[in-house]
Amino acid sequence: MSALKPIALKKEGDDRLVIEWSDGHRGVYPWTHLRNSCPCAACNEERAKPPDPFRILKPSELGPLKPVTISPIGYYAYRIVWSDGHDSGLFTIGNLRTLCQCAECVK
C-alpha cells in the first residue's frame, strides 16, 4: 500500500482549501482553522499564553487572513505564506490530514 498523500489542492470559495487525498478522501480546511492551527513554535507559544485583552492589533490583523502561497516542502509538508507575512509553520502531510474539517472528520 502506498503512503497517504495529497493528489490535488484547490481553493474553494474565499474561505477554504480542499485537498483530494490518494485514498479518495476529500478534505476541507477553512483558512481560519489552518491559521489557528499553525504548528510553528511561535504560534504554539502564543496559544499557550492566556489571551491579552489589551493587546493592540496591527493593521495586518484587522482584515481577514488569507494564504498568499502554498508550497510543497519535499514530499512531507506544505508551507503556507499568509497575508500578514507569517510563513514559519510547516504543515506535515499527517498534520494536514488530522486538521480536516469535513463532516466525516468532525463527527
N, C-alpha and C. Protein backbone atom coordinates (compact mmCIF):
# COMPACT_ATOMS: atom_id res chain seq x y z
N MET A 1 0.84 -1.18 0.00
CA MET A 1 0.00 0.00 0.00
C MET A 1 0.89 1.24 0.00
N SER A 2 0.56 2.22 -0.83
CA SER A 2 1.37 3.42 -0.90
C SER A 2 1.02 4.39 0.23
N ALA A 3 1.94 5.29 0.50
CA ALA A 3 1.74 6.27 1.58
C ALA A 3 0.63 7.25 1.20
N LEU A 4 -0.10 7.67 2.19
CA LEU A 4 -1.16 8.65 2.01
C LEU A 4 -0.54 9.97 1.55
N LYS A 5 -1.13 10.56 0.51
CA LYS A 5 -0.60 11.84 0.03
C LYS A 5 -1.70 12.64 -0.65
N PRO A 6 -1.55 13.97 -0.66
CA PRO A 6 -2.50 14.80 -1.39
C PRO A 6 -2.27 14.61 -2.90
N ILE A 7 -3.34 14.50 -3.66
CA ILE A 7 -3.19 14.43 -5.11
C ILE A 7 -3.65 15.72 -5.79
N ALA A 8 -4.43 16.55 -5.08
CA ALA A 8 -4.85 17.85 -5.62
C ALA A 8 -5.19 18.78 -4.47
N LEU A 9 -4.74 20.03 -4.58
CA LEU A 9 -5.10 21.09 -3.64
C LEU A 9 -5.80 22.16 -4.45
N LYS A 10 -6.93 22.69 -3.91
CA LYS A 10 -7.60 23.78 -4.61
C LYS A 10 -8.34 24.66 -3.62
N LYS A 11 -8.44 25.91 -3.98
CA LYS A 11 -9.19 26.87 -3.19
C LYS A 11 -10.66 26.67 -3.51
N GLU A 12 -11.51 26.67 -2.48
CA GLU A 12 -12.95 26.55 -2.70
C GLU A 12 -13.61 27.75 -2.04
N GLY A 13 -14.18 28.63 -2.86
CA GLY A 13 -14.73 29.87 -2.33
C GLY A 13 -13.60 30.74 -1.81
N ASP A 14 -13.94 31.68 -0.95
CA ASP A 14 -12.92 32.57 -0.39
C ASP A 14 -12.41 32.12 0.96
N ASP A 15 -12.99 31.05 1.50
CA ASP A 15 -12.68 30.76 2.89
C ASP A 15 -12.07 29.39 3.17
N ARG A 16 -11.76 28.60 2.14
CA ARG A 16 -11.24 27.27 2.47
C ARG A 16 -10.40 26.64 1.36
N LEU A 17 -9.61 25.68 1.83
CA LEU A 17 -8.79 24.83 0.98
C LEU A 17 -9.45 23.46 0.93
N VAL A 18 -9.43 22.82 -0.22
CA VAL A 18 -9.91 21.44 -0.35
C VAL A 18 -8.72 20.60 -0.84
N ILE A 19 -8.51 19.49 -0.17
CA ILE A 19 -7.44 18.56 -0.56
C ILE A 19 -8.08 17.24 -0.94
N GLU A 20 -7.77 16.78 -2.14
CA GLU A 20 -8.17 15.44 -2.58
C GLU A 20 -7.00 14.52 -2.21
N TRP A 21 -7.29 13.50 -1.40
CA TRP A 21 -6.26 12.60 -0.91
C TRP A 21 -6.18 11.32 -1.76
N SER A 22 -5.04 10.67 -1.72
CA SER A 22 -4.80 9.47 -2.52
C SER A 22 -5.72 8.31 -2.15
N ASP A 23 -6.33 8.35 -0.97
CA ASP A 23 -7.27 7.30 -0.58
C ASP A 23 -8.72 7.65 -0.93
N GLY A 24 -8.92 8.76 -1.67
CA GLY A 24 -10.26 9.16 -2.09
C GLY A 24 -10.95 10.14 -1.15
N HIS A 25 -10.35 10.41 0.00
CA HIS A 25 -10.95 11.36 0.95
C HIS A 25 -10.88 12.78 0.38
N ARG A 26 -11.94 13.55 0.60
CA ARG A 26 -11.98 14.96 0.20
C ARG A 26 -11.92 15.79 1.47
N GLY A 27 -10.75 16.32 1.77
CA GLY A 27 -10.54 17.10 2.99
C GLY A 27 -10.93 18.55 2.80
N VAL A 28 -11.53 19.13 3.84
CA VAL A 28 -11.96 20.53 3.83
C VAL A 28 -11.25 21.26 4.97
N TYR A 29 -10.62 22.40 4.63
CA TYR A 29 -9.78 23.12 5.58
C TYR A 29 -10.09 24.61 5.52
N PRO A 30 -10.93 25.12 6.41
CA PRO A 30 -11.15 26.57 6.45
C PRO A 30 -9.82 27.29 6.74
N TRP A 31 -9.60 28.41 6.05
CA TRP A 31 -8.35 29.15 6.25
C TRP A 31 -8.15 29.51 7.71
N THR A 32 -9.21 29.96 8.39
CA THR A 32 -9.07 30.35 9.80
C THR A 32 -8.63 29.17 10.65
N HIS A 33 -9.13 27.99 10.36
CA HIS A 33 -8.75 26.80 11.13
C HIS A 33 -7.27 26.48 10.90
N LEU A 34 -6.81 26.56 9.65
CA LEU A 34 -5.40 26.29 9.37
C LEU A 34 -4.51 27.31 10.07
N ARG A 35 -4.88 28.59 9.97
CA ARG A 35 -4.05 29.64 10.59
C ARG A 35 -4.02 29.48 12.10
N ASN A 36 -5.17 29.17 12.69
CA ASN A 36 -5.23 28.98 14.14
C ASN A 36 -4.53 27.71 14.60
N SER A 37 -4.26 26.80 13.67
CA SER A 37 -3.59 25.53 13.98
C SER A 37 -2.14 25.52 13.53
N CYS A 38 -1.60 26.69 13.20
CA CYS A 38 -0.22 26.76 12.72
C CYS A 38 0.70 26.03 13.70
N PRO A 39 1.53 25.11 13.19
CA PRO A 39 2.37 24.29 14.07
C PRO A 39 3.71 24.92 14.45
N CYS A 40 3.98 26.15 14.06
CA CYS A 40 5.30 26.72 14.35
C CYS A 40 5.44 27.00 15.85
N ALA A 41 6.68 27.13 16.29
CA ALA A 41 6.97 27.34 17.71
C ALA A 41 6.35 28.63 18.23
N ALA A 42 6.42 29.71 17.46
CA ALA A 42 5.88 31.00 17.92
C ALA A 42 4.36 30.91 18.12
N CYS A 43 3.66 30.26 17.21
CA CYS A 43 2.20 30.13 17.36
C CYS A 43 1.85 29.20 18.51
N ASN A 44 2.60 28.12 18.68
CA ASN A 44 2.36 27.22 19.82
C ASN A 44 2.57 27.96 21.14
N GLU A 45 3.61 28.78 21.21
CA GLU A 45 3.88 29.56 22.42
C GLU A 45 2.76 30.58 22.67
N GLU A 46 2.31 31.23 21.62
CA GLU A 46 1.24 32.22 21.74
C GLU A 46 -0.06 31.57 22.22
N ARG A 47 -0.38 30.40 21.71
CA ARG A 47 -1.60 29.69 22.12
C ARG A 47 -1.53 29.24 23.58
N ALA A 48 -0.33 29.03 24.09
CA ALA A 48 -0.17 28.57 25.47
C ALA A 48 -0.38 29.70 26.49
N LYS A 49 -0.28 30.95 26.06
CA LYS A 49 -0.46 32.09 26.95
C LYS A 49 -1.94 32.42 27.10
N PRO A 50 -2.31 32.99 28.26
CA PRO A 50 -3.69 33.48 28.35
C PRO A 50 -3.85 34.68 27.42
N PRO A 51 -5.04 34.87 26.84
CA PRO A 51 -5.23 36.00 25.93
C PRO A 51 -5.03 37.34 26.64
N ASP A 52 -4.44 38.28 25.94
CA ASP A 52 -4.22 39.63 26.47
C ASP A 52 -5.35 40.53 25.98
N PRO A 53 -6.27 40.93 26.86
CA PRO A 53 -7.40 41.75 26.41
C PRO A 53 -7.00 43.17 26.01
N PHE A 54 -5.75 43.56 26.32
CA PHE A 54 -5.29 44.91 25.99
C PHE A 54 -4.31 44.94 24.82
N ARG A 55 -4.16 43.82 24.15
CA ARG A 55 -3.24 43.74 23.01
C ARG A 55 -3.74 44.64 21.89
N ILE A 56 -2.85 45.39 21.31
CA ILE A 56 -3.20 46.28 20.20
C ILE A 56 -3.00 45.51 18.90
N LEU A 57 -4.05 45.49 18.08
CA LEU A 57 -3.97 44.78 16.81
C LEU A 57 -3.20 45.59 15.79
N LYS A 58 -2.39 44.91 15.00
CA LYS A 58 -1.67 45.54 13.90
C LYS A 58 -2.64 45.68 12.73
N PRO A 59 -2.40 46.62 11.82
CA PRO A 59 -3.29 46.77 10.66
C PRO A 59 -3.46 45.47 9.87
N SER A 60 -2.41 44.67 9.78
CA SER A 60 -2.50 43.41 9.02
C SER A 60 -3.40 42.39 9.70
N GLU A 61 -3.69 42.58 10.99
CA GLU A 61 -4.54 41.65 11.72
C GLU A 61 -6.02 42.03 11.65
N LEU A 62 -6.32 43.19 11.12
CA LEU A 62 -7.70 43.65 11.09
C LEU A 62 -8.50 43.05 9.93
N GLY A 63 -7.84 42.73 8.86
CA GLY A 63 -8.52 42.13 7.71
C GLY A 63 -8.53 40.63 7.83
N PRO A 64 -9.33 39.97 7.02
CA PRO A 64 -9.33 38.51 7.06
C PRO A 64 -8.00 37.95 6.56
N LEU A 65 -7.48 36.97 7.28
CA LEU A 65 -6.23 36.34 6.86
C LEU A 65 -6.50 35.39 5.70
N LYS A 66 -5.66 35.47 4.71
CA LYS A 66 -5.76 34.62 3.54
C LYS A 66 -4.37 34.09 3.22
N PRO A 67 -4.29 32.92 2.60
CA PRO A 67 -2.98 32.45 2.16
C PRO A 67 -2.56 33.21 0.91
N VAL A 68 -1.28 33.50 0.83
CA VAL A 68 -0.71 34.15 -0.35
C VAL A 68 -0.16 33.06 -1.27
N THR A 69 0.55 32.11 -0.67
CA THR A 69 1.06 30.96 -1.43
C THR A 69 1.03 29.72 -0.54
N ILE A 70 0.94 28.58 -1.20
CA ILE A 70 1.08 27.28 -0.53
C ILE A 70 2.09 26.51 -1.36
N SER A 71 3.20 26.13 -0.73
CA SER A 71 4.29 25.46 -1.45
C SER A 71 4.64 24.14 -0.80
N PRO A 72 4.88 23.11 -1.61
CA PRO A 72 5.33 21.84 -1.03
C PRO A 72 6.76 21.97 -0.52
N ILE A 73 7.02 21.29 0.58
CA ILE A 73 8.37 21.19 1.13
C ILE A 73 8.72 19.71 1.02
N GLY A 74 9.50 19.37 0.03
CA GLY A 74 9.80 17.96 -0.23
C GLY A 74 8.51 17.20 -0.47
N TYR A 75 8.45 15.99 0.06
CA TYR A 75 7.25 15.16 -0.08
C TYR A 75 6.55 14.98 1.27
N TYR A 76 6.89 15.85 2.24
CA TYR A 76 6.35 15.61 3.58
C TYR A 76 5.54 16.76 4.17
N ALA A 77 5.57 17.96 3.57
CA ALA A 77 4.90 19.10 4.20
C ALA A 77 4.57 20.18 3.18
N TYR A 78 3.77 21.15 3.65
CA TYR A 78 3.46 22.36 2.88
C TYR A 78 3.72 23.57 3.75
N ARG A 79 4.26 24.63 3.13
CA ARG A 79 4.45 25.91 3.80
C ARG A 79 3.38 26.85 3.27
N ILE A 80 2.67 27.50 4.19
CA ILE A 80 1.67 28.49 3.80
C ILE A 80 2.22 29.86 4.18
N VAL A 81 2.25 30.76 3.21
CA VAL A 81 2.59 32.16 3.47
C VAL A 81 1.26 32.90 3.57
N TRP A 82 1.05 33.55 4.71
CA TRP A 82 -0.22 34.23 4.99
C TRP A 82 -0.14 35.71 4.63
N SER A 83 -1.31 36.31 4.46
CA SER A 83 -1.38 37.72 4.07
C SER A 83 -0.77 38.66 5.11
N ASP A 84 -0.59 38.21 6.34
CA ASP A 84 0.06 39.04 7.36
C ASP A 84 1.58 38.82 7.39
N GLY A 85 2.10 38.01 6.44
CA GLY A 85 3.53 37.78 6.34
C GLY A 85 4.02 36.54 7.09
N HIS A 86 3.18 35.94 7.91
CA HIS A 86 3.59 34.76 8.67
C HIS A 86 3.84 33.60 7.71
N ASP A 87 4.97 32.90 7.90
CA ASP A 87 5.30 31.81 6.98
C ASP A 87 6.15 30.71 7.60
N SER A 88 6.22 30.66 8.92
CA SER A 88 7.15 29.72 9.53
C SER A 88 6.55 28.36 9.88
N GLY A 89 5.25 28.19 9.69
CA GLY A 89 4.63 26.91 10.01
C GLY A 89 4.72 25.93 8.86
N LEU A 90 5.24 24.75 9.12
CA LEU A 90 5.25 23.68 8.12
C LEU A 90 4.16 22.68 8.49
N PHE A 91 3.17 22.55 7.62
CA PHE A 91 2.07 21.61 7.84
C PHE A 91 2.44 20.28 7.21
N THR A 92 2.79 19.30 8.04
CA THR A 92 3.15 17.99 7.50
C THR A 92 1.92 17.32 6.91
N ILE A 93 2.15 16.32 6.07
CA ILE A 93 1.04 15.59 5.45
C ILE A 93 0.14 15.00 6.53
N GLY A 94 0.73 14.37 7.53
CA GLY A 94 -0.06 13.77 8.61
C GLY A 94 -0.84 14.82 9.40
N ASN A 95 -0.20 15.96 9.67
CA ASN A 95 -0.87 17.04 10.39
C ASN A 95 -2.05 17.57 9.58
N LEU A 96 -1.85 17.77 8.30
CA LEU A 96 -2.95 18.25 7.46
C LEU A 96 -4.13 17.30 7.50
N ARG A 97 -3.85 16.03 7.42
CA ARG A 97 -4.96 15.06 7.42
C ARG A 97 -5.74 15.14 8.73
N THR A 98 -5.07 15.30 9.85
CA THR A 98 -5.77 15.38 11.13
C THR A 98 -6.52 16.69 11.31
N LEU A 99 -6.16 17.73 10.58
CA LEU A 99 -6.83 19.03 10.69
C LEU A 99 -8.09 19.12 9.82
N CYS A 100 -8.42 18.06 9.09
CA CYS A 100 -9.58 18.07 8.20
C CYS A 100 -10.85 18.44 8.97
N GLN A 101 -11.66 19.30 8.35
CA GLN A 101 -12.90 19.76 8.96
C GLN A 101 -14.13 19.35 8.16
N CYS A 102 -14.01 18.29 7.34
CA CYS A 102 -15.18 17.81 6.60
C CYS A 102 -16.17 17.19 7.58
N ALA A 103 -17.40 17.01 7.16
CA ALA A 103 -18.46 16.47 8.02
C ALA A 103 -18.08 15.10 8.59
N GLU A 104 -17.41 14.29 7.80
CA GLU A 104 -17.00 12.95 8.24
C GLU A 104 -15.96 13.00 9.35
N CYS A 105 -15.03 13.96 9.27
CA CYS A 105 -13.93 14.03 10.24
C CYS A 105 -14.27 14.77 11.52
N VAL A 106 -15.26 15.62 11.51
CA VAL A 106 -15.58 16.40 12.73
C VAL A 106 -16.75 15.82 13.51
N LYS A 107 -17.16 14.60 13.20
CA LYS A 107 -18.27 13.95 13.92
C LYS A 107 -18.03 13.92 15.39
